[in-house]
Structure formats: C-alpha cells, structure tokens
C-alpha atoms as a PDB file:
ATOM      1  CA  MET A   1      18.400  77.958 152.039  1.00  0.00           C
ATOM      2  CA  ASN A   2      18.676  74.669 150.119  1.00  0.00           C
ATOM      3  CA  ILE A   3      19.814  71.955 152.595  1.00  0.00           C
ATOM      4  CA  LYS A   4      19.040  69.230 150.026  1.00  0.00           C
ATOM      5  CA  ASN A   5      21.891  69.949 147.575  1.00  0.00           C
ATOM      6  CA  PRO A   6      24.533  67.184 147.701  1.00  0.00           C
ATOM      7  CA  ILE A   7      27.495  69.307 148.547  1.00  0.00           C
ATOM      8  CA  SER A   8      25.954  70.873 151.638  1.00  0.00           C
ATOM      9  CA  LEU A   9      24.634  67.442 152.753  1.00  0.00           C
ATOM     10  CA  SER A  10      28.167  65.926 152.381  1.00  0.00           C
ATOM     11  CA  MET A  11      29.785  68.875 154.231  1.00  0.00           C
ATOM     12  CA  PHE A  12      27.278  68.544 157.092  1.00  0.00           C
ATOM     13  CA  THR A  13      27.865  64.804 157.182  1.00  0.00           C
ATOM     14  CA  ALA A  14      31.710  65.304 157.286  1.00  0.00           C
ATOM     15  CA  THR A  15      31.119  67.966 160.049  1.00  0.00           C
ATOM     16  CA  PHE A  16      29.135  65.583 162.208  1.00  0.00           C
ATOM     17  CA  MET A  17      31.645  62.700 161.580  1.00  0.00           C
ATOM     18  CA  THR A  18      34.504  64.978 162.540  1.00  0.00           C
ATOM     19  CA  ALA A  19      32.599  66.137 165.628  1.00  0.00           C
ATOM     20  CA  TYR A  20      31.922  62.516 166.650  1.00  0.00           C
ATOM     21  CA  ILE A  21      35.549  61.674 166.223  1.00  0.00           C
ATOM     22  CA  ALA A  22      36.472  64.745 168.260  1.00  0.00           C
ATOM     23  CA  LEU A  23      34.146  63.708 171.072  1.00  0.00           C
ATOM     24  CA  THR A  24      35.563  60.180 171.192  1.00  0.00           C
ATOM     25  CA  VAL A  25      39.238  61.245 171.087  1.00  0.00           C
ATOM     26  CA  GLN A  26      41.325  60.809 174.141  1.00  0.00           C
ATOM     27  CA  PRO A  27      42.644  64.361 174.674  1.00  0.00           C
ATOM     28  CA  GLN A  28      46.371  64.316 174.365  1.00  0.00           C
ATOM     29  CA  SER A  29      46.899  68.042 174.052  1.00  0.00           C
ATOM     30  CA  LYS A  30      44.778  71.189 174.002  1.00  0.00           C
ATOM     31  CA  ALA A  31      46.283  72.141 170.638  1.00  0.00           C
ATOM     32  CA  ALA A  32      45.148  68.897 168.922  1.00  0.00           C
ATOM     33  CA  ILE A  33      41.618  69.218 170.380  1.00  0.00           C
ATOM     34  CA  SER A  34      41.409  72.903 169.323  1.00  0.00           C
ATOM     35  CA  ALA A  35      42.601  71.942 165.799  1.00  0.00           C
ATOM     36  CA  ILE A  36      39.819  69.377 165.527  1.00  0.00           C
ATOM     37  CA  TRP A  37      37.189  71.903 166.635  1.00  0.00           C
ATOM     38  CA  ILE A  38      38.488  74.447 164.216  1.00  0.00           C
ATOM     39  CA  THR A  39      38.139  71.843 161.480  1.00  0.00           C
ATOM     40  CA  VAL A  40      34.586  71.135 162.603  1.00  0.00           C
ATOM     41  CA  LEU A  41      33.608  74.786 162.539  1.00  0.00           C
ATOM     42  CA  PHE A  42      35.276  75.286 159.178  1.00  0.00           C
ATOM     43  CA  GLN A  43      33.392  72.306 157.672  1.00  0.00           C
ATOM     44  CA  PHE A  44      30.111  73.575 159.125  1.00  0.00           C
ATOM     45  CA  PHE A  45      30.743  77.005 157.661  1.00  0.00           C
ATOM     46  CA  ILE A  46      31.489  75.600 154.252  1.00  0.00           C
ATOM     47  CA  GLY A  47      28.312  73.457 154.467  1.00  0.00           C
ATOM     48  CA  LEU A  48      26.280  76.572 155.324  1.00  0.00           C
ATOM     49  CA  CYS A  49      27.795  78.457 152.365  1.00  0.00           C
ATOM     50  CA  PHE A  50      26.888  75.708 149.936  1.00  0.00           C
ATOM     51  CA  ALA A  51      23.403  75.477 151.428  1.00  0.00           C
ATOM     52  CA  PHE A  52      22.708  78.938 149.964  1.00  0.00           C
ATOM     53  CA  VAL A  53      24.017  78.039 146.533  1.00  0.00           C
ATOM     54  CA  LYS A  54      21.330  77.401 143.880  1.00  0.00           C
ATOM     55  CA  PHE A  55      22.503  74.587 141.564  1.00  0.00           C
ATOM     56  CA  PRO A  56      21.321  74.587 137.916  1.00  0.00           C
ATOM     57  CA  ASP A  57      18.714  72.082 136.769  1.00  0.00           C
ATOM     58  CA  LYS A  58      19.263  69.423 134.120  1.00  0.00           C
ATOM     59  CA  LYS A  59      18.116  71.651 131.176  1.00  0.00           C
ATOM     60  CA  GLU A  60      20.630  74.373 132.180  1.00  0.00           C
ATOM     61  CA  GLN A  61      23.382  71.837 132.643  1.00  0.00           C
ATOM     62  CA  ALA A  62      22.792  70.508 129.181  1.00  0.00           C
ATOM     63  CA  ARG A  63      23.404  73.983 127.784  1.00  0.00           C
ATOM     64  CA  HIS A  64      26.660  74.300 129.723  1.00  0.00           C
ATOM     65  CA  PRO A  65      28.711  71.192 129.118  1.00  0.00           C
ATOM     66  CA  PHE A  66      31.685  69.980 131.174  1.00  0.00           C
ATOM     67  CA  ASN A  67      34.442  72.236 129.842  1.00  0.00           C
ATOM     68  CA  LEU A  68      38.142  72.390 130.508  1.00  0.00           C
ATOM     69  CA  THR A  69      37.953  75.195 133.071  1.00  0.00           C
ATOM     70  CA  SER A  70      35.488  73.426 135.268  1.00  0.00           C
ATOM     71  CA  LYS A  71      37.619  70.300 135.013  1.00  0.00           C
ATOM     72  CA  VAL A  72      40.684  72.279 136.298  1.00  0.00           C
ATOM     73  CA  TYR A  73      38.607  73.668 139.191  1.00  0.00           C
ATOM     74  CA  LEU A  74      37.161  70.281 140.103  1.00  0.00           C
ATOM     75  CA  LEU A  75      40.453  68.420 139.940  1.00  0.00           C
ATOM     76  CA  THR A  76      42.374  70.985 142.006  1.00  0.00           C
ATOM     77  CA  THR A  77      39.556  71.051 144.621  1.00  0.00           C
ATOM     78  CA  LEU A  78      39.406  67.233 144.885  1.00  0.00           C
ATOM     79  CA  THR A  79      43.195  67.013 145.023  1.00  0.00           C
ATOM     80  CA  ALA A  80      43.448  69.612 147.743  1.00  0.00           C
ATOM     81  CA  SER A  81      40.683  67.820 149.734  1.00  0.00           C
ATOM     82  CA  SER A  82      42.453  64.496 149.483  1.00  0.00           C
ATOM     83  CA  ILE A  83      45.783  65.923 150.626  1.00  0.00           C
ATOM     84  CA  TYR A  84      44.049  67.853 153.407  1.00  0.00           C
ATOM     85  CA  THR A  85      42.274  64.635 154.533  1.00  0.00           C
ATOM     86  CA  VAL A  86      45.579  62.734 154.822  1.00  0.00           C
ATOM     87  CA  GLY A  87      46.981  65.760 156.761  1.00  0.00           C
ATOM     88  CA  ILE A  88      44.058  65.627 159.233  1.00  0.00           C
ATOM     89  CA  TRP A  89      44.514  61.849 159.480  1.00  0.00           C
ATOM     90  CA  LEU A  90      48.157  62.317 160.538  1.00  0.00           C
ATOM     91  CA  THR A  91      47.518  65.328 162.791  1.00  0.00           C
ATOM     92  CA  THR A  92      44.646  64.112 164.918  1.00  0.00           C
ATOM     93  CA  PRO A  93      45.299  61.848 167.883  1.00  0.00           C
ATOM     94  CA  ALA A  94      43.959  58.230 168.048  1.00  0.00           C
ATOM     95  CA  THR A  95      40.316  57.576 168.960  1.00  0.00           C
ATOM     96  CA  ASN A  96      39.031  55.441 171.820  1.00  0.00           C
ATOM     97  CA  PRO A  97      38.150  52.540 169.481  1.00  0.00           C
ATOM     98  CA  SER A  98      41.310  52.528 167.442  1.00  0.00           C
ATOM     99  CA  TRP A  99      39.634  51.717 164.157  1.00  0.00           C
ATOM    100  CA  LEU A 100      37.080  54.616 164.236  1.00  0.00           C
ATOM    101  CA  LYS A 101      39.287  57.410 162.927  1.00  0.00           C
ATOM    102  CA  SER A 102      40.877  55.179 160.285  1.00  0.00           C
ATOM    103  CA  PHE A 103      37.521  53.933 159.040  1.00  0.00           C
ATOM    104  CA  PHE A 104      35.825  57.246 158.594  1.00  0.00           C
ATOM    105  CA  LEU A 105      38.821  59.088 157.213  1.00  0.00           C
ATOM    106  CA  GLY A 106      39.683  56.099 154.956  1.00  0.00           C
ATOM    107  CA  VAL A 107      36.201  55.978 153.557  1.00  0.00           C
ATOM    108  CA  GLY A 108      36.178  59.714 152.956  1.00  0.00           C
ATOM    109  CA  LEU A 109      39.589  59.510 151.263  1.00  0.00           C
ATOM    110  CA  LEU A 110      38.415  56.584 149.129  1.00  0.00           C
ATOM    111  CA  ILE A 111      35.389  58.565 147.975  1.00  0.00           C
ATOM    112  CA  LEU A 112      37.585  61.584 147.184  1.00  0.00           C
ATOM    113  CA  LEU A 113      40.058  59.570 145.185  1.00  0.00           C
ATOM    114  CA  GLY A 114      37.307  57.768 143.315  1.00  0.00           C
ATOM    115  CA  LEU A 115      35.758  61.108 142.315  1.00  0.00           C
ATOM    116  CA  LEU A 116      39.227  62.412 141.411  1.00  0.00           C
ATOM    117  CA  LEU A 117      39.808  59.369 139.145  1.00  0.00           C
ATOM    118  CA  TYR A 118      36.343  59.660 137.563  1.00  0.00           C
ATOM    119  CA  TYR A 119      36.618  63.363 136.735  1.00  0.00           C
ATOM    120  CA  SER A 120      40.217  63.124 135.567  1.00  0.00           C
ATOM    121  CA  LEU A 121      39.208  60.433 133.027  1.00  0.00           C
ATOM    122  CA  LYS A 122      36.006  62.255 132.004  1.00  0.00           C
ATOM    123  CA  PRO A 123      36.655  64.043 128.653  1.00  0.00           C
ATOM    124  CA  ALA A 124      36.222  67.755 128.430  1.00  0.00           C
ATOM    125  CA  ARG A 125      34.306  69.161 125.495  1.00  0.00           C
ATOM    126  CA  GLU A 126      36.877  71.716 124.400  1.00  0.00           C
ATOM    127  CA  THR A 127      40.541  71.857 123.609  1.00  0.00           C
ATOM    128  CA  PRO A 128      42.878  74.241 125.440  1.00  0.00           C
ATOM    129  CA  ASP A 129      43.611  77.498 123.697  1.00  0.00           C
ATOM    130  CA  GLU A 130      46.233  80.178 124.271  1.00  0.00           C
ATOM    131  CA  ARG A 131      44.166  82.045 126.807  1.00  0.00           C
ATOM    132  CA  PHE A 132      43.760  78.835 128.913  1.00  0.00           C
ATOM    133  CA  HIS A 133      47.516  78.144 128.807  1.00  0.00           C
ATOM    134  CA  ALA A 134      48.285  81.757 129.660  1.00  0.00           C
ATOM    135  CA  ASN A 135      45.992  81.702 132.695  1.00  0.00           C
ATOM    136  CA  LEU A 136      47.308  78.343 133.781  1.00  0.00           C
ATOM    137  CA  SER A 137      50.941  79.673 133.644  1.00  0.00           C
ATOM    138  CA  ARG A 138      49.971  82.848 135.460  1.00  0.00           C
ATOM    139  CA  ALA A 139      48.318  80.869 138.236  1.00  0.00           C
ATOM    140  CA  ALA A 140      51.361  78.605 138.491  1.00  0.00           C
ATOM    141  CA  LEU A 141      53.713  81.590 138.600  1.00  0.00           C
ATOM    142  CA  SER A 142      51.616  83.333 141.243  1.00  0.00           C
ATOM    143  CA  LEU A 143      51.615  80.180 143.419  1.00  0.00           C
ATOM    144  CA  LEU A 144      55.391  79.817 142.933  1.00  0.00           C
ATOM    145  CA  LEU A 145      55.898  83.387 144.085  1.00  0.00           C
ATOM    146  CA  LEU A 146      53.628  82.790 147.084  1.00  0.00           C
ATOM    147  CA  ILE A 147      55.507  79.606 148.018  1.00  0.00           C
ATOM    148  CA  LEU A 148      58.877  81.457 147.837  1.00  0.00           C
ATOM    149  CA  LEU A 149      57.586  84.298 149.979  1.00  0.00           C
ATOM    150  CA  LEU A 150      56.126  81.811 152.558  1.00  0.00           C
ATOM    151  CA  THR A 151      59.403  79.866 152.627  1.00  0.00           C
ATOM    152  CA  LEU A 152      61.327  83.123 153.177  1.00  0.00           C
ATOM    153  CA  ALA A 153      59.007  84.168 155.954  1.00  0.00           C
ATOM    154  CA  PHE A 154      59.263  80.812 157.557  1.00  0.00           C
ATOM    155  CA  ALA A 155      63.056  80.900 157.383  1.00  0.00           C
ATOM    156  CA  ILE A 156      63.129  84.284 159.007  1.00  0.00           C
ATOM    157  CA  PHE A 157      60.783  83.014 161.698  1.00  0.00           C
ATOM    158  CA  LEU A 158      63.046  80.000 162.336  1.00  0.00           C
ATOM    159  CA  CYS A 159      66.082  82.195 162.566  1.00  0.00           C
ATOM    160  CA  GLN A 160      64.436  84.480 165.070  1.00  0.00           C
ATOM    161  CA  SER A 161      62.741  81.747 167.293  1.00  0.00           C
ATOM    162  CA  GLY A 162      65.078  78.764 166.991  1.00  0.00           C
ATOM    163  CA  PRO A 163      64.444  75.269 165.641  1.00  0.00           C
ATOM    164  CA  LYS A 164      60.914  73.960 165.607  1.00  0.00           C
ATOM    165  CA  ALA A 165      59.502  70.482 164.916  1.00  0.00           C
ATOM    166  CA  ILE A 166      57.089  70.256 161.990  1.00  0.00           C
ATOM    167  CA  SER A 167      54.749  67.322 161.815  1.00  0.00           C
ATOM    168  CA  ALA A 168      53.954  65.579 158.448  1.00  0.00           C
ATOM    169  CA  GLY A 169      50.263  66.285 158.952  1.00  0.00           C
ATOM    170  CA  LEU A 170      50.918  70.034 159.146  1.00  0.00           C
ATOM    171  CA  VAL A 171      52.972  69.855 155.923  1.00  0.00           C
ATOM    172  CA  LEU A 172      50.192  67.979 154.104  1.00  0.00           C
ATOM    173  CA  ILE A 173      47.529  70.484 155.319  1.00  0.00           C
ATOM    174  CA  VAL A 174      49.662  73.357 153.961  1.00  0.00           C
ATOM    175  CA  LEU A 175      50.130  71.529 150.686  1.00  0.00           C
ATOM    176  CA  GLY A 176      46.386  71.020 150.395  1.00  0.00           C
ATOM    177  CA  ALA A 177      45.858  74.747 151.044  1.00  0.00           C
ATOM    178  CA  LEU A 178      48.422  75.596 148.364  1.00  0.00           C
ATOM    179  CA  CYS A 179      46.777  73.305 145.846  1.00  0.00           C
ATOM    180  CA  LEU A 180      43.426  74.983 146.583  1.00  0.00           C
ATOM    181  CA  LEU A 181      45.105  78.379 146.171  1.00  0.00           C
ATOM    182  CA  PHE A 182      46.212  77.303 142.672  1.00  0.00           C
ATOM    183  CA  GLY A 183      42.541  76.824 141.748  1.00  0.00           C
ATOM    184  CA  ILE A 184      41.665  80.207 143.311  1.00  0.00           C
ATOM    185  CA  PHE A 185      44.451  81.978 141.353  1.00  0.00           C
ATOM    186  CA  PHE A 186      43.306  80.234 138.133  1.00  0.00           C
ATOM    187  CA  PHE A 187      39.800  81.380 138.811  1.00  0.00           C
ATOM    188  CA  ILE A 188      40.880  84.952 139.373  1.00  0.00           C
ATOM    189  CA  PHE A 189      42.863  84.968 136.110  1.00  0.00           C
ATOM    190  CA  GLU A 190      39.941  83.367 134.187  1.00  0.00           C
ATOM    191  CA  THR A 191      37.409  85.896 135.375  1.00  0.00           C
ATOM    192  CA  ARG A 192      39.730  88.898 134.794  1.00  0.00           C
ATOM    193  CA  ASN A 193      40.104  88.162 131.095  1.00  0.00           C
END
C-alpha cells in the first residue's frame, strides 16, 4: 500500500475536507446529509484504490511519453471532476460559517480548472490516426445511445410517477458521470483493438 502517491493523498485530503464540511453543515434534510456521506465514502474508496496503484518512476515515464490517448483520459477525468464539484457545490446545504463550503470547493475547483488548462495546452507527442478517430467516434456513439436510453427511462418514470423537481446540482452530477463514462467507453474501445 503506497499512501505517499499524490493521487491517493489528494483523495484522502478531499475526503477529510468533505467530512469536515459534512460535520459543520446545519442538517436541512436527511437526504442531503446522506448524499454528503455517500460522497465521503466514495472519495475514501477511490483514495484507497489509488493507494494500491504503483506509479512508474522517472526512467519509465521517459520511455512512455505523454501521448494522445492519455491526454484524452486525463482531460475527460478532469472535466468530469470539475462538473461534479460544481454539482456538489449546488447540492449541499450551506455550512455554519457561510464561507467555509465556498472556500474549500472553490479552491478545489480552481485547482481542477488549472490542471485542465495545463494539460489541454500540453502538446501530445503523436498525431491522431484512423484507429484513434474510430475509437473516439465509437465512444461518442455509445455515450449518445446511453443518454437516449436514460432519457427514455426517465420519461417513462415521470409518466408513471408524476412530475418531479430536478435540482441543477443533480443535473451537473449526472453530466459529470456521463463525461467520465465517455472516458471509460474510450478506454474499452482502445484496449479491445
């Protein structure tokens, strides 16, 4: 178990920050509090998963440069995390000192957007070929099909149960999950070929 790798450290830090915010929140509803604690457990689980990952050393990284596929994975993950952070920001209730939630989530979002800007401007060492474009289009088509199926299922659910109110935070959390699913679909199509 490697607790010293930067991803697991950042996930554990985010877990403890979210737990601290959850403990200082004035409980408005049980659903909001349970959503916060589900987020805390999810972040802790992701941190534990990354604690067992062995990252390559500098010599091995020099042999495997920053290629186009890793750029797509990284940009989709950072974009999904940014959208998810804004969704959590809108979903969670206000904290006891009113600036606490805005400060921590704002700093986290600023770091995510800075990393997103840095890696989007970082040049990749290869040009896209036909296989890359084919896998990208397959992933986009699979995600479009999934979105259509989810929309159809949601429409059937609304017809059966009546109108429901959907918050903007929930929509952003779902959009972040869909953006992450695009990266997962792209990974599946890249490893299959």
